[in-house]
Protein backbone atom coordinates (compact mmCIF):
# COMPACT_ATOMS: atom_id res chain seq x y z
CA UNK A 1 98.79 103.66 119.71
CA UNK A 2 95.87 101.03 120.47
CA UNK A 3 96.26 97.10 121.68
CA UNK A 4 99.86 98.02 121.55
CA UNK A 5 102.55 100.65 120.57
CA UNK A 6 103.63 100.34 116.86
CA UNK A 7 107.35 100.73 115.84
CA UNK A 8 107.54 104.24 113.64
CA UNK A 9 107.92 104.32 110.26
CA UNK A 10 108.71 107.38 108.24
CA UNK A 11 105.67 108.55 105.99
CA UNK A 12 103.40 105.95 107.63
CA UNK A 13 100.75 106.68 110.27
CA UNK A 14 101.17 103.02 111.26
CA UNK A 15 98.42 100.19 111.04
CA UNK A 16 94.90 100.46 110.83
CA UNK A 17 93.24 100.51 114.33
CA UNK A 18 90.75 97.28 115.34
CA UNK A 19 87.79 97.35 113.41
CA UNK A 20 88.71 98.74 109.97
CA UNK A 21 89.53 96.42 107.12
CA UNK A 22 91.76 98.78 104.96
CA UNK A 23 92.63 97.44 101.71
CA UNK A 24 94.76 98.88 98.93
CA UNK A 25 92.53 97.96 95.34
CA UNK A 26 92.16 98.15 91.68
CA UNK A 27 89.29 100.12 90.24
CA UNK A 28 87.82 96.78 89.76
CA UNK A 29 87.99 96.08 93.68
CA UNK A 30 90.70 93.50 93.32
CA UNK A 31 93.35 93.65 96.18
CA UNK A 32 96.82 94.78 95.21
CA UNK A 33 100.17 93.15 96.58
CA UNK A 34 102.37 95.12 99.07
CA UNK A 35 103.93 97.71 97.76
CA UNK A 36 101.97 98.59 95.19
CA UNK A 37 100.00 101.72 94.31
CA UNK A 38 96.25 101.82 94.42
CA UNK A 39 93.08 102.97 95.81
CA UNK A 40 92.92 103.18 99.64
CA UNK A 41 89.24 101.67 100.89
CA UNK A 42 87.64 99.95 103.54
CA UNK A 43 85.78 96.79 103.23
CA UNK A 44 82.35 96.96 104.18
CA UNK A 45 80.83 96.88 106.70
CA UNK A 46 82.42 99.37 108.36
CA UNK A 47 82.60 99.47 112.11
CA UNK A 48 79.77 100.60 114.71
CA UNK A 49 79.71 104.19 115.22
CA UNK A 50 80.87 105.29 111.74
CA UNK A 51 78.54 107.64 109.64
CA UNK A 52 75.60 105.90 108.09
CA UNK A 53 75.25 109.05 106.06
CA UNK A 54 75.46 112.53 105.36
CA UNK A 55 73.16 115.12 106.70
CA UNK A 56 70.29 115.87 103.90
CA UNK A 57 72.35 113.81 101.37
CA UNK A 58 71.54 109.87 101.21
CA UNK A 59 72.52 109.87 97.62
CA UNK A 60 75.92 111.47 97.96
CA UNK A 61 76.95 109.40 100.67
CA UNK A 62 76.17 106.11 98.70
CA UNK A 63 78.61 107.20 95.91
CA UNK A 64 81.52 106.21 98.78
CA UNK A 65 79.61 102.99 98.94
CA UNK A 66 78.83 102.05 95.33
CA UNK A 67 82.29 103.14 93.45
CA UNK A 68 83.50 99.87 94.37
CA UNK A 69 81.14 97.76 95.57
CA UNK A 70 81.63 95.91 99.09
CA UNK A 71 84.00 99.26 99.98
CA UNK A 72 83.81 102.57 100.93
CA UNK A 73 86.36 104.61 98.90
CA UNK A 74 88.51 107.04 101.20
CA UNK A 75 89.46 108.89 97.82
CA UNK A 76 93.38 108.65 98.86
CA UNK A 77 95.75 106.45 97.12
CA UNK A 78 98.32 104.91 98.61
CA UNK A 79 100.11 101.21 99.47
CA UNK A 80 100.89 99.10 102.37
CA UNK A 81 104.00 97.41 103.03
CA UNK A 82 105.21 94.06 103.97
CA UNK A 83 103.90 94.32 107.70
CA UNK A 84 100.57 96.14 106.95
CA UNK A 85 102.03 99.72 107.24
CA UNK A 86 99.85 102.25 105.13
CA UNK A 87 101.34 104.56 103.27
CA UNK A 88 99.08 107.61 101.87
CA UNK A 89 100.81 108.93 98.67
CA UNK A 90 97.96 111.68 98.17
CA UNK A 91 94.10 112.22 96.80
CA UNK A 92 93.15 109.84 93.99
CA UNK A 93 92.07 113.60 92.27
CA UNK A 94 95.77 113.81 91.82
CA UNK A 95 96.59 110.85 90.04
CA UNK A 96 96.93 111.58 86.83
CA UNK A 97 97.30 110.17 83.05
CA UNK A 98 100.23 110.35 81.21
CA UNK A 99 99.56 108.80 77.51
CA UNK A 100 97.77 106.04 79.08
CA UNK A 101 99.94 105.80 82.37
CA UNK A 102 98.36 106.32 85.61
CA UNK A 103 101.06 108.18 87.85
CA UNK A 104 100.53 109.44 91.07
CA UNK A 105 101.53 113.31 91.92
CA UNK A 106 102.27 112.57 95.36
CA UNK A 107 105.02 110.31 94.52
CA UNK A 108 106.63 112.87 92.16
CA UNK A 109 106.63 115.04 95.20
CA UNK A 110 107.87 112.91 97.46
CA UNK A 111 111.44 112.76 95.18
CA UNK A 112 111.09 116.43 94.71
CA UNK A 113 110.81 117.11 98.49
CA UNK A 114 114.14 114.92 98.87
CA UNK A 115 116.22 117.72 97.26
CA UNK A 116 118.26 119.21 99.57
CA UNK A 117 117.53 122.48 98.60
CA UNK A 118 113.84 122.36 98.52
CA UNK A 119 111.55 123.76 101.35
CA UNK A 120 108.26 122.27 100.30
CA UNK A 121 106.66 121.54 96.72
CA UNK A 122 103.39 120.57 94.46
CA UNK A 123 103.23 118.75 91.47
CA UNK A 124 99.99 118.54 89.73
CA UNK A 125 98.73 117.29 86.43
CA UNK A 126 98.16 120.08 83.42
CA UNK A 127 96.51 119.41 80.60
CA UNK A 128 98.41 118.00 77.22
CA UNK A 129 97.05 117.85 73.74
CA UNK A 130 99.41 115.21 73.07
CA UNK A 131 99.54 113.12 76.22
CA UNK A 132 96.34 114.08 78.06
CA UNK A 133 97.96 115.53 81.05
CA UNK A 134 101.48 116.15 81.91
CA UNK A 135 102.85 116.85 85.21
CA UNK A 136 104.33 120.09 86.29
CA UNK A 137 106.02 121.48 89.57
CA UNK A 138 106.50 124.14 92.08
CA UNK A 139 109.14 124.50 94.67
CA UNK A 140 109.70 126.65 97.29
CA UNK A 141 113.35 126.90 98.34
CA UNK A 142 115.06 126.81 101.76
CA UNK A 143 116.11 129.78 103.39
CA UNK A 144 119.16 131.48 102.42
CA UNK A 145 119.68 128.97 98.91
CA UNK A 146 121.08 131.41 96.43
CA UNK A 147 121.72 128.76 93.62
CA UNK A 148 120.74 129.16 90.03
CA UNK A 149 116.98 128.47 89.89
CA UNK A 150 117.19 126.55 86.49
CA UNK A 151 119.94 124.63 87.74
CA UNK A 152 117.96 123.27 90.60
CA UNK A 153 115.14 122.59 88.22
CA UNK A 154 117.31 120.57 85.72
CA UNK A 155 118.42 118.27 89.10
CA UNK A 156 115.08 118.20 89.84
CA UNK A 157 114.12 116.78 86.98
CA UNK A 158 117.04 114.45 86.75
CA UNK A 159 115.44 113.18 90.02
CA UNK A 160 112.07 112.15 89.18
CA UNK A 161 113.55 110.79 85.97
CA UNK A 162 115.94 108.64 87.98
CA UNK A 163 113.44 107.60 90.88
CA UNK A 164 109.82 107.33 89.12
CA UNK A 165 111.35 107.04 85.04
CA UNK A 166 111.51 108.49 81.96
CA UNK A 167 107.43 107.43 81.85
CA UNK A 168 106.50 110.35 84.10
CA UNK A 169 107.02 113.05 81.35
CA UNK A 170 108.18 115.45 84.84
CA UNK A 171 109.87 118.19 82.64
CA UNK A 172 108.76 121.61 83.95
CA UNK A 173 109.32 122.68 87.37
CA UNK A 174 109.21 126.43 88.36
CA UNK A 175 111.04 128.23 91.77
CA UNK A 176 108.46 130.19 93.54
CA UNK A 177 108.35 131.98 96.52
CA UNK A 178 105.40 130.57 97.88
CA UNK A 179 102.85 128.13 97.64
CA UNK A 180 99.19 129.03 98.10
CA UNK A 181 97.80 127.62 101.35
CA UNK A 182 94.59 127.70 103.58
CA UNK A 183 94.88 128.93 107.13
CA UNK A 184 95.58 125.37 108.16
CA UNK A 185 98.39 124.90 106.20
CA UNK A 186 96.71 122.75 103.13
CA UNK A 187 98.17 123.86 99.80
CA UNK A 188 95.71 124.87 97.30
CA UNK A 189 96.50 122.26 94.29
CA UNK A 190 92.89 122.27 92.82
CA UNK A 191 93.65 126.49 92.20
CA UNK A 192 96.75 125.89 91.46
CA UNK A 193 95.46 123.15 88.57
CA UNK A 194 93.06 125.67 87.36
CA UNK A 195 95.85 128.35 87.06
CA UNK A 196 98.18 125.73 85.10
CA UNK A 197 95.48 125.14 82.85
CA UNK A 198 94.17 128.66 81.94
CA UNK A 199 90.73 128.04 83.81
CA UNK A 200 88.74 130.52 85.60
CA UNK A 201 88.66 130.07 89.17
CA UNK A 202 87.45 131.56 92.47
CA UNK A 203 89.89 132.55 95.46
CA UNK A 204 88.93 130.02 97.98
CA UNK A 205 87.98 132.01 100.95
CA UNK A 206 90.14 129.87 103.61
CA UNK A 207 93.28 130.92 101.53
CA UNK A 208 95.85 132.55 103.56
CA UNK A 209 97.44 135.13 101.48
CA UNK A 210 95.65 135.93 98.05
CA UNK A 211 98.96 137.64 96.68
CA UNK A 212 100.66 134.35 96.14
CA UNK A 213 98.41 133.43 93.40
CA UNK A 214 99.75 135.93 91.33
CA UNK A 215 103.33 134.32 91.93
CA UNK A 216 101.68 130.76 90.32
CA UNK A 217 100.19 132.58 87.65
CA UNK A 218 103.61 134.32 86.53
CA UNK A 219 105.48 131.16 87.29
CA UNK A 220 102.89 129.09 84.98
CA UNK A 221 103.11 131.77 81.83
CA UNK A 222 107.23 130.98 82.00
CA UNK A 223 106.22 127.27 81.81
CA UNK A 224 103.92 128.47 78.59
CA UNK A 225 100.98 127.47 80.79
CA UNK A 226 97.83 129.54 81.90
CA UNK A 227 96.18 132.44 80.06
């Protein structure tokens, strides 16, 4: 809403409002074509009224505008379509490097969430000695689903392979009762990643249900991950 009411496209917050020159770029600042995933950045200068710095931390603010010269880096990844509709696929932290290929875990989550039995899911990168990182999934099933979990995970692996390709190396997925979230509903992917990699972690003070982490630890062990 603003100048006009744009038609809605599923999965997109529509276009950037006037004053924001939102671009999809590669790490060198080159603009990428429509449909290709990259870094979501705002071309400088920012519109009037935007933050000029961070409170008592000028140095940290500069990190946002010097990582790619000429752009404010949002930290999100995604793409635009031919109509300049923006699609946010996830944090750039969630882009993993699998045997030299940069892959979006957000794109994999989108595929997994399409399964008729999946209520919600999270895909994250686990450390791997051979490939650097490999994607692993955690999925929560819809209420009333009583199918064999192993059968469902096989279907999920095949879906990712078909939609994204074998390069994704998505071969492991666990069915869990719940995903760890903050009270506002944000999935704690960083904590889950540390559990999968067997790293020490601090239980976030914002977590809604701390007991859910035990289920993630157990699922990670079944996948041969964690401690």
